[in-house]
Amino acid sequence: MRALGEPSRLRLVRQLLDGPHPVNDLCDALDLQPYNASRHLAVLKSAGLVEVEKVSKQRIYRLAETFRDKLAKNDRVLDLGCCRFDFNQLPR
């Protein structure tokens, strides 16, 4: 839950719901600096929410399979019991 407690991380996850993206595309889409995006993505990765694949010099980020499956089953809603994250209603 702590990993999702920051608006930029929520926006990154929402962007990744559409599929894998290189970090530069995420920066452009969300108007983030590469350094900040990389730090947020590292937090999401350490929480097990995203996976990264290195392709040449790029890093391609995608939602972790278990996280993606949970969101797919619940129509893009993550229910943690104590709180819910509805990725359909979050700002882009």
C-alpha atoms as a PDB file:
ATOM      1  CA  MET A   1       0.000   0.000   0.000  1.00  0.00           C
ATOM      2  CA  ARG A   2       2.857   2.348   0.762  1.00  0.00           C
ATOM      3  CA  ALA A   3       4.156   2.028  -2.795  1.00  0.00           C
ATOM      4  CA  LEU A   4       0.819   3.292  -4.111  1.00  0.00           C
ATOM      5  CA  GLY A   5       0.609   6.144  -1.610  1.00  0.00           C
ATOM      6  CA  GLU A   6       2.182   8.670  -3.986  1.00  0.00           C
ATOM      7  CA  PRO A   7       0.233  10.276  -6.872  1.00  0.00           C
ATOM      8  CA  SER A   8       3.020   9.882  -9.444  1.00  0.00           C
ATOM      9  CA  ARG A   9       3.220   6.151  -8.731  1.00  0.00           C
ATOM     10  CA  LEU A  10      -0.525   5.793  -9.145  1.00  0.00           C
ATOM     11  CA  ARG A  11      -0.288   7.612 -12.472  1.00  0.00           C
ATOM     12  CA  LEU A  12       2.552   5.309 -13.571  1.00  0.00           C
ATOM     13  CA  VAL A  13       0.517   2.216 -12.695  1.00  0.00           C
ATOM     14  CA  ARG A  14      -2.485   3.590 -14.547  1.00  0.00           C
ATOM     15  CA  GLN A  15      -0.332   4.230 -17.629  1.00  0.00           C
ATOM     16  CA  LEU A  16       1.044   0.677 -17.435  1.00  0.00           C
ATOM     17  CA  LEU A  17      -2.490  -0.750 -17.398  1.00  0.00           C
ATOM     18  CA  ASP A  18      -2.483  -0.122 -21.159  1.00  0.00           C
ATOM     19  CA  GLY A  19       0.583  -2.326 -21.594  1.00  0.00           C
ATOM     20  CA  PRO A  20       4.388  -2.208 -21.346  1.00  0.00           C
ATOM     21  CA  HIS A  21       6.168   1.101 -21.912  1.00  0.00           C
ATOM     22  CA  PRO A  22       9.779   2.269 -22.048  1.00  0.00           C
ATOM     23  CA  VAL A  23      10.652   4.717 -19.297  1.00  0.00           C
ATOM     24  CA  ASN A  24      11.035   7.595 -21.784  1.00  0.00           C
ATOM     25  CA  ASP A  25       7.478   7.091 -23.046  1.00  0.00           C
ATOM     26  CA  LEU A  26       6.199   7.107 -19.469  1.00  0.00           C
ATOM     27  CA  CYS A  27       8.082  10.345 -18.798  1.00  0.00           C
ATOM     28  CA  ASP A  28       6.602  11.995 -21.880  1.00  0.00           C
ATOM     29  CA  ALA A  29       3.054  10.804 -21.214  1.00  0.00           C
ATOM     30  CA  LEU A  30       3.069  11.844 -17.562  1.00  0.00           C
ATOM     31  CA  ASP A  31       5.351  14.888 -17.790  1.00  0.00           C
ATOM     32  CA  LEU A  32       7.902  13.397 -15.377  1.00  0.00           C
ATOM     33  CA  GLN A  33      11.652  13.838 -15.321  1.00  0.00           C
ATOM     34  CA  PRO A  34      13.508  10.572 -16.091  1.00  0.00           C
ATOM     35  CA  TYR A  35      15.247  10.615 -12.696  1.00  0.00           C
ATOM     36  CA  ASN A  36      11.949  10.950 -10.818  1.00  0.00           C
ATOM     37  CA  ALA A  37      10.191   8.355 -12.948  1.00  0.00           C
ATOM     38  CA  SER A  38      13.043   5.890 -12.420  1.00  0.00           C
ATOM     39  CA  ARG A  39      12.913   6.367  -8.647  1.00  0.00           C
ATOM     40  CA  HIS A  40       9.143   5.847  -8.557  1.00  0.00           C
ATOM     41  CA  LEU A  41       9.413   2.792 -10.794  1.00  0.00           C
ATOM     42  CA  ALA A  42      12.128   1.354  -8.509  1.00  0.00           C
ATOM     43  CA  VAL A  43       9.738   1.647  -5.540  1.00  0.00           C
ATOM     44  CA  LEU A  44       6.978  -0.066  -7.523  1.00  0.00           C
ATOM     45  CA  LYS A  45       9.406  -2.788  -8.594  1.00  0.00           C
ATOM     46  CA  SER A  46      10.615  -3.439  -5.044  1.00  0.00           C
ATOM     47  CA  ALA A  47       6.961  -3.736  -3.966  1.00  0.00           C
ATOM     48  CA  GLY A  48       6.425  -6.382  -6.658  1.00  0.00           C
ATOM     49  CA  LEU A  49       3.980  -4.286  -8.647  1.00  0.00           C
ATOM     50  CA  VAL A  50       6.042  -3.824 -11.814  1.00  0.00           C
ATOM     51  CA  GLU A  51       8.607  -5.824 -13.744  1.00  0.00           C
ATOM     52  CA  VAL A  52      11.361  -4.479 -15.950  1.00  0.00           C
ATOM     53  CA  GLU A  53      13.012  -5.892 -19.047  1.00  0.00           C
ATOM     54  CA  LYS A  54      16.183  -4.453 -20.522  1.00  0.00           C
ATOM     55  CA  VAL A  55      16.056  -4.252 -24.309  1.00  0.00           C
ATOM     56  CA  SER A  56      19.222  -2.792 -25.774  1.00  0.00           C
ATOM     57  CA  LYS A  57      19.660   0.498 -23.883  1.00  0.00           C
ATOM     58  CA  GLN A  58      15.987   0.844 -22.940  1.00  0.00           C
ATOM     59  CA  ARG A  59      14.175  -0.434 -19.918  1.00  0.00           C
ATOM     60  CA  ILE A  60      10.638  -1.609 -20.631  1.00  0.00           C
ATOM     61  CA  TYR A  61       8.276  -1.571 -17.652  1.00  0.00           C
ATOM     62  CA  ARG A  62       5.106  -3.619 -17.292  1.00  0.00           C
ATOM     63  CA  LEU A  63       2.772  -4.465 -14.451  1.00  0.00           C
ATOM     64  CA  ALA A  64       3.743  -7.640 -12.623  1.00  0.00           C
ATOM     65  CA  GLU A  65       1.608 -10.566 -13.741  1.00  0.00           C
ATOM     66  CA  THR A  66      -0.014 -11.232 -10.346  1.00  0.00           C
ATOM     67  CA  PHE A  67      -0.855  -7.548  -9.900  1.00  0.00           C
ATOM     68  CA  ARG A  68      -2.200  -7.325 -13.458  1.00  0.00           C
ATOM     69  CA  ASP A  69      -4.369 -10.424 -12.896  1.00  0.00           C
ATOM     70  CA  LYS A  70      -5.869  -8.996  -9.691  1.00  0.00           C
ATOM     71  CA  LEU A  71      -6.774  -5.764 -11.445  1.00  0.00           C
ATOM     72  CA  ALA A  72      -8.243  -7.606 -14.439  1.00  0.00           C
ATOM     73  CA  LYS A  73     -10.497  -9.737 -12.220  1.00  0.00           C
ATOM     74  CA  ASN A  74     -11.775  -6.670 -10.351  1.00  0.00           C
ATOM     75  CA  ASP A  75     -12.276  -4.334 -13.334  1.00  0.00           C
ATOM     76  CA  ARG A  76      -9.129  -2.289 -12.624  1.00  0.00           C
ATOM     77  CA  VAL A  77      -9.890  -1.968  -8.898  1.00  0.00           C
ATOM     78  CA  LEU A  78      -7.376  -3.044  -6.257  1.00  0.00           C
ATOM     79  CA  ASP A  79      -9.124  -3.828  -2.974  1.00  0.00           C
ATOM     80  CA  LEU A  80      -6.738  -4.120  -0.026  1.00  0.00           C
ATOM     81  CA  GLY A  81      -9.450  -4.414   2.606  1.00  0.00           C
ATOM     82  CA  CYS A  82      -8.445  -1.195   4.329  1.00  0.00           C
ATOM     83  CA  CYS A  83      -8.680   0.833   1.126  1.00  0.00           C
ATOM     84  CA  ARG A  84      -9.476   0.597  -2.556  1.00  0.00           C
ATOM     85  CA  PHE A  85      -7.628   1.943  -5.554  1.00  0.00           C
ATOM     86  CA  ASP A  86      -9.951   2.400  -8.523  1.00  0.00           C
ATOM     87  CA  PHE A  87      -7.645   2.983 -11.484  1.00  0.00           C
ATOM     88  CA  ASN A  88     -10.644   3.879 -13.661  1.00  0.00           C
ATOM     89  CA  GLN A  89     -11.228   7.024 -11.610  1.00  0.00           C
ATOM     90  CA  LEU A  90      -7.683   8.255 -11.076  1.00  0.00           C
ATOM     91  CA  PRO A  91      -6.467  11.359 -12.910  1.00  0.00           C
ATOM     92  CA  ARG A  92      -4.060  10.805 -15.785  1.00  0.00           C
END
